[in-house]
Every structure is written in C-alpha cells, then in structure tokens.
Amino acid sequence: MTKNILKSVLALTVIFGSFAYTLPLVEKPVKVENSSVSWKGYKVTGSHEGTVALKKGILTFDGDKLAGGEFTVDMTSLVSTDLTGEYKGKLEGHLKSDDFFGVEKYPNATLVFTKVSATGKNAYKVTGDLTIKGKTHPVNFDLSIYGSKATASVKIDRAKYDIRYGSGSFFDNLGDKTIYDEFDLVVDLEF
C-alpha cells in the first residue's frame, strides 16, 4: 500500500510540476499601420501590382516559437501601384467588382493559421485557412520572424475562390486576354 501511495504522490508531483513549467500562449497584435501586404497578378501580356491593407492581425507565440495567427484584410482598400490616372481607376474598380473580389458583398478576407511547424531558427512552414468571397481553402507558405518583424510570400490560386474573369481554367480561347489563376502576396508584418 505504501508503494501505491508513493507512486500516486510521484505521479501527482510530475503532473502538477509540468503545469508549473507550461508557459501560456501569448498573443501579439500586429501593428497594421506599420505592416504591408503587396499583391502581383499576372496575365499573358504582363502583370499588375498593388497593395491591400490589413484590418487586424494577431500572431500567437508559445514561448519564443510561433504557434498561430489570425488576420483580416480590408478588401475595399485594394489599390494598384503600377498604373496612374484613368487606367488605375479602371483596374481598381474592376478588381473590386463581382468579376474579381466582389468587395461590396465581401469586404474582408481572412486567414487563420491551422498548423505551424518550425523549419529553422527563425523559419516556419504555415498552413492556414484562407477565406475569399466566402469560400475557404487551405494555403501553405513559409514565414520568417526576426525580432518584432515577420515576412511571408504566399501564392494564391484565385480559381479556388470562384474568381473566374479571364481565367483559362473556366474559359477557352482567351489567347492574350488570359489572366493567370495564381497571384502573389508579399506580407511584411510588425508586431
């Protein structure tokens, strides 16, 4: 009986001791005014690029290791940076229309990290659920953290979010009017 009591006390000591050394997850808000999201879309005859603003974001840490994150992007802020004047306005209006992101009905896009794996000292492989136009699909990307800054490059397939305009995945014989399905995001965060 004494052995059982000692085993029980030892087991409880180990269990309660492990709780004492478990650090709580820490959420660090992203400073949206110091952060940026740049986009670049490609077509047969060239490309266009611009920015879109973060509305809010949080990175979650377990000690000094990234453990999660959540972001909301303000799709109404989408602008082109490679054009000026009339053509800039036309492109921005078209991208905000139902042909592309339908920002009147879907003013926000979201990304929620679902898996984070360390791949190096400051490097992580992230899987997240990206929601655009009410449709959610997983995305994978690499993210680097240095001090209070994080960077990532993400490739997104717009066809998964039913963004069909000029897509060779949905329409035949577009020729040089084809707009490629994949576009790039480059994200620079400060937290």
Protein backbone atom coordinates (compact mmCIF):
# COMPACT_ATOMS: atom_id res chain seq x y z
CA MET A 1 0.00 0.00 0.00
CA THR A 2 2.88 2.37 0.80
CA LYS A 3 4.30 1.76 -2.68
CA ASN A 4 0.95 2.73 -4.25
CA ILE A 5 0.78 5.92 -2.19
CA LEU A 6 4.35 6.81 -3.17
CA LYS A 7 3.57 6.14 -6.84
CA SER A 8 0.45 8.31 -6.62
CA VAL A 9 2.34 11.15 -4.91
CA LEU A 10 5.12 10.90 -7.51
CA ALA A 11 2.61 10.89 -10.38
CA LEU A 12 0.80 13.94 -8.96
CA THR A 13 4.13 15.74 -8.45
CA VAL A 14 5.06 15.13 -12.10
CA ILE A 15 1.62 16.22 -13.36
CA PHE A 16 1.46 19.38 -11.25
CA GLY A 17 5.13 20.11 -11.90
CA SER A 18 4.53 20.01 -15.66
CA PHE A 19 1.75 22.60 -15.27
CA ALA A 20 4.13 24.88 -13.38
CA TYR A 21 6.55 24.92 -16.33
CA THR A 22 3.98 25.32 -19.11
CA LEU A 23 4.04 28.85 -20.46
CA PRO A 24 0.74 30.33 -21.57
CA LEU A 25 0.31 31.22 -25.22
CA VAL A 26 0.94 34.89 -25.84
CA GLU A 27 -0.99 36.84 -28.48
CA LYS A 28 0.91 39.72 -30.06
CA PRO A 29 -1.21 42.18 -32.05
CA VAL A 30 0.13 43.18 -35.44
CA LYS A 31 0.75 46.90 -35.87
CA VAL A 32 -1.32 47.28 -39.04
CA GLU A 33 -0.15 50.86 -39.65
CA ASN A 34 3.47 49.60 -39.89
CA SER A 35 2.67 46.44 -41.85
CA SER A 36 2.04 45.90 -45.57
CA VAL A 37 0.52 43.41 -47.98
CA SER A 38 1.60 43.73 -51.62
CA TRP A 39 0.00 41.78 -54.46
CA LYS A 40 1.05 40.94 -58.01
CA GLY A 41 -1.19 39.39 -60.64
CA TYR A 42 -0.04 38.03 -64.00
CA LYS A 43 -1.52 37.92 -67.48
CA VAL A 44 -0.15 36.73 -70.81
CA THR A 45 0.83 40.28 -71.79
CA GLY A 46 2.33 41.40 -68.47
CA SER A 47 1.36 41.96 -64.85
CA HIS A 48 -0.16 44.42 -62.40
CA GLU A 49 0.72 45.06 -58.78
CA GLY A 50 -0.53 46.95 -55.81
CA THR A 51 -1.39 46.81 -52.12
CA VAL A 52 -4.23 45.87 -49.82
CA ALA A 53 -4.46 46.87 -46.14
CA LEU A 54 -4.59 44.70 -43.07
CA LYS A 55 -7.57 45.47 -40.88
CA LYS A 56 -6.25 43.47 -37.92
CA GLY A 57 -3.87 40.66 -37.12
CA ILE A 58 -2.52 38.61 -34.25
CA LEU A 59 0.47 36.30 -34.04
CA THR A 60 0.38 33.72 -31.23
CA PHE A 61 3.58 32.51 -29.57
CA ASP A 62 4.39 29.59 -27.30
CA GLY A 63 7.44 30.97 -25.54
CA ASP A 64 9.59 32.31 -28.37
CA LYS A 65 8.11 29.95 -31.01
CA LEU A 66 5.32 30.90 -33.39
CA ALA A 67 2.20 28.86 -32.63
CA GLY A 68 -0.61 30.53 -34.59
CA GLY A 69 -2.06 33.61 -36.21
CA GLU A 70 -5.24 35.27 -37.47
CA PHE A 71 -5.60 38.10 -39.96
CA THR A 72 -8.35 40.16 -41.54
CA VAL A 73 -7.67 42.03 -44.79
CA ASP A 74 -9.73 45.06 -45.85
CA MET A 75 -10.52 44.19 -49.47
CA THR A 76 -12.06 47.64 -50.05
CA SER A 77 -8.54 49.09 -49.68
CA LEU A 78 -7.23 47.22 -52.75
CA VAL A 79 -5.23 49.59 -54.99
CA SER A 80 -2.96 49.36 -58.00
CA THR A 81 0.52 50.88 -57.67
CA ASP A 82 1.76 50.31 -61.22
CA LEU A 83 -0.79 52.50 -63.02
CA THR A 84 -1.91 56.12 -62.78
CA GLY A 85 -4.90 58.16 -63.83
CA GLU A 86 -7.82 56.67 -65.74
CA TYR A 87 -6.28 53.19 -66.13
CA LYS A 88 -5.54 52.95 -62.40
CA GLY A 89 -9.17 53.77 -61.58
CA LYS A 90 -10.49 51.28 -64.13
CA LEU A 91 -8.30 48.44 -62.88
CA GLU A 92 -9.12 49.11 -59.22
CA GLY A 93 -12.84 49.30 -59.99
CA HIS A 94 -12.69 46.06 -61.96
CA LEU A 95 -10.74 44.22 -59.23
CA LYS A 96 -13.31 45.35 -56.64
CA SER A 97 -16.25 44.30 -58.84
CA ASP A 98 -18.01 40.93 -58.84
CA ASP A 99 -15.76 39.86 -61.76
CA PHE A 100 -12.95 39.58 -59.21
CA PHE A 101 -13.22 40.13 -55.43
CA GLY A 102 -16.80 41.47 -55.08
CA VAL A 103 -15.80 43.79 -52.24
CA GLU A 104 -19.27 45.26 -51.79
CA LYS A 105 -20.60 41.85 -50.71
CA TYR A 106 -17.28 40.52 -49.35
CA PRO A 107 -15.40 43.48 -47.82
CA ASN A 108 -12.99 41.27 -45.84
CA ALA A 109 -10.75 38.30 -46.49
CA THR A 110 -9.39 36.25 -43.58
CA LEU A 111 -6.50 33.91 -42.87
CA VAL A 112 -6.42 31.63 -39.82
CA PHE A 113 -3.31 29.54 -39.18
CA THR A 114 -4.20 25.87 -38.65
CA LYS A 115 -0.69 24.39 -38.41
CA VAL A 116 2.72 25.90 -37.69
CA SER A 117 5.94 23.88 -37.87
CA ALA A 118 9.42 25.25 -37.17
CA THR A 119 11.83 24.60 -40.05
CA GLY A 120 14.78 26.56 -38.66
CA LYS A 121 15.78 29.10 -36.04
CA ASN A 122 13.50 31.86 -37.37
CA ALA A 123 11.65 29.94 -40.08
CA TYR A 124 8.25 28.28 -40.11
CA LYS A 125 6.08 26.29 -42.50
CA VAL A 126 2.50 27.52 -42.08
CA THR A 127 -0.80 26.05 -43.21
CA GLY A 128 -3.83 28.28 -42.92
CA ASP A 129 -7.46 28.56 -43.94
CA LEU A 130 -7.82 31.47 -46.37
CA THR A 131 -11.33 32.83 -46.95
CA ILE A 132 -12.01 34.99 -50.01
CA LYS A 133 -15.52 35.72 -51.30
CA GLY A 134 -17.00 33.44 -48.63
CA LYS A 135 -15.01 30.42 -49.82
CA THR A 136 -12.35 28.82 -47.59
CA HIS A 137 -9.38 26.77 -48.80
CA PRO A 138 -6.05 25.83 -47.24
CA VAL A 139 -2.86 27.65 -48.23
CA ASN A 140 0.74 26.76 -47.41
CA PHE A 141 3.63 29.19 -47.13
CA ASP A 142 6.93 29.91 -45.41
CA LEU A 143 7.13 32.62 -42.77
CA SER A 144 10.26 34.15 -41.22
CA ILE A 145 10.43 36.06 -37.93
CA TYR A 146 13.23 38.39 -36.86
CA GLY A 147 12.68 40.28 -33.63
CA SER A 148 9.31 42.02 -33.90
CA LYS A 149 9.00 41.59 -37.68
CA ALA A 150 7.67 38.76 -39.82
CA THR A 151 7.71 38.22 -43.58
CA ALA A 152 5.97 35.76 -45.87
CA SER A 153 5.32 35.17 -49.56
CA VAL A 154 2.08 33.44 -50.46
CA LYS A 155 0.92 32.12 -53.84
CA ILE A 156 -2.87 32.01 -54.19
CA ASP A 157 -4.95 30.24 -56.85
CA ARG A 158 -7.93 32.56 -57.48
CA ALA A 159 -9.86 29.81 -59.29
CA LYS A 160 -10.42 28.07 -55.93
CA TYR A 161 -12.35 31.15 -54.79
CA ASP A 162 -14.54 31.27 -57.92
CA ILE A 163 -12.77 34.33 -59.33
CA ARG A 164 -13.32 33.45 -62.97
CA TYR A 165 -12.76 36.58 -65.06
CA GLY A 166 -10.19 35.93 -67.80
CA SER A 167 -9.26 32.54 -66.33
CA GLY A 168 -8.12 29.78 -68.63
CA SER A 169 -9.44 27.32 -66.03
CA PHE A 170 -13.00 28.40 -66.83
CA PHE A 171 -12.89 29.76 -70.39
CA ASP A 172 -11.37 28.53 -73.66
CA ASN A 173 -9.74 30.53 -76.43
CA LEU A 174 -8.84 33.61 -74.37
CA GLY A 175 -5.49 33.94 -76.12
CA ASP A 176 -3.55 37.00 -74.97
CA LYS A 177 -6.53 38.09 -72.82
CA THR A 178 -5.80 35.25 -70.37
CA ILE A 179 -5.17 36.26 -66.76
CA TYR A 180 -3.30 33.59 -64.86
CA ASP A 181 -5.04 32.00 -61.88
CA GLU A 182 -2.15 32.33 -59.44
CA PHE A 183 -1.24 35.65 -57.91
CA ASP A 184 1.39 36.52 -55.30
CA LEU A 185 1.18 38.22 -51.94
CA VAL A 186 4.23 39.56 -50.12
CA VAL A 187 3.50 40.28 -46.48
CA ASP A 188 5.66 42.35 -44.12
CA LEU A 189 4.41 42.48 -40.54
CA GLU A 190 5.44 44.38 -37.44
CA PHE A 191 4.14 43.31 -34.05
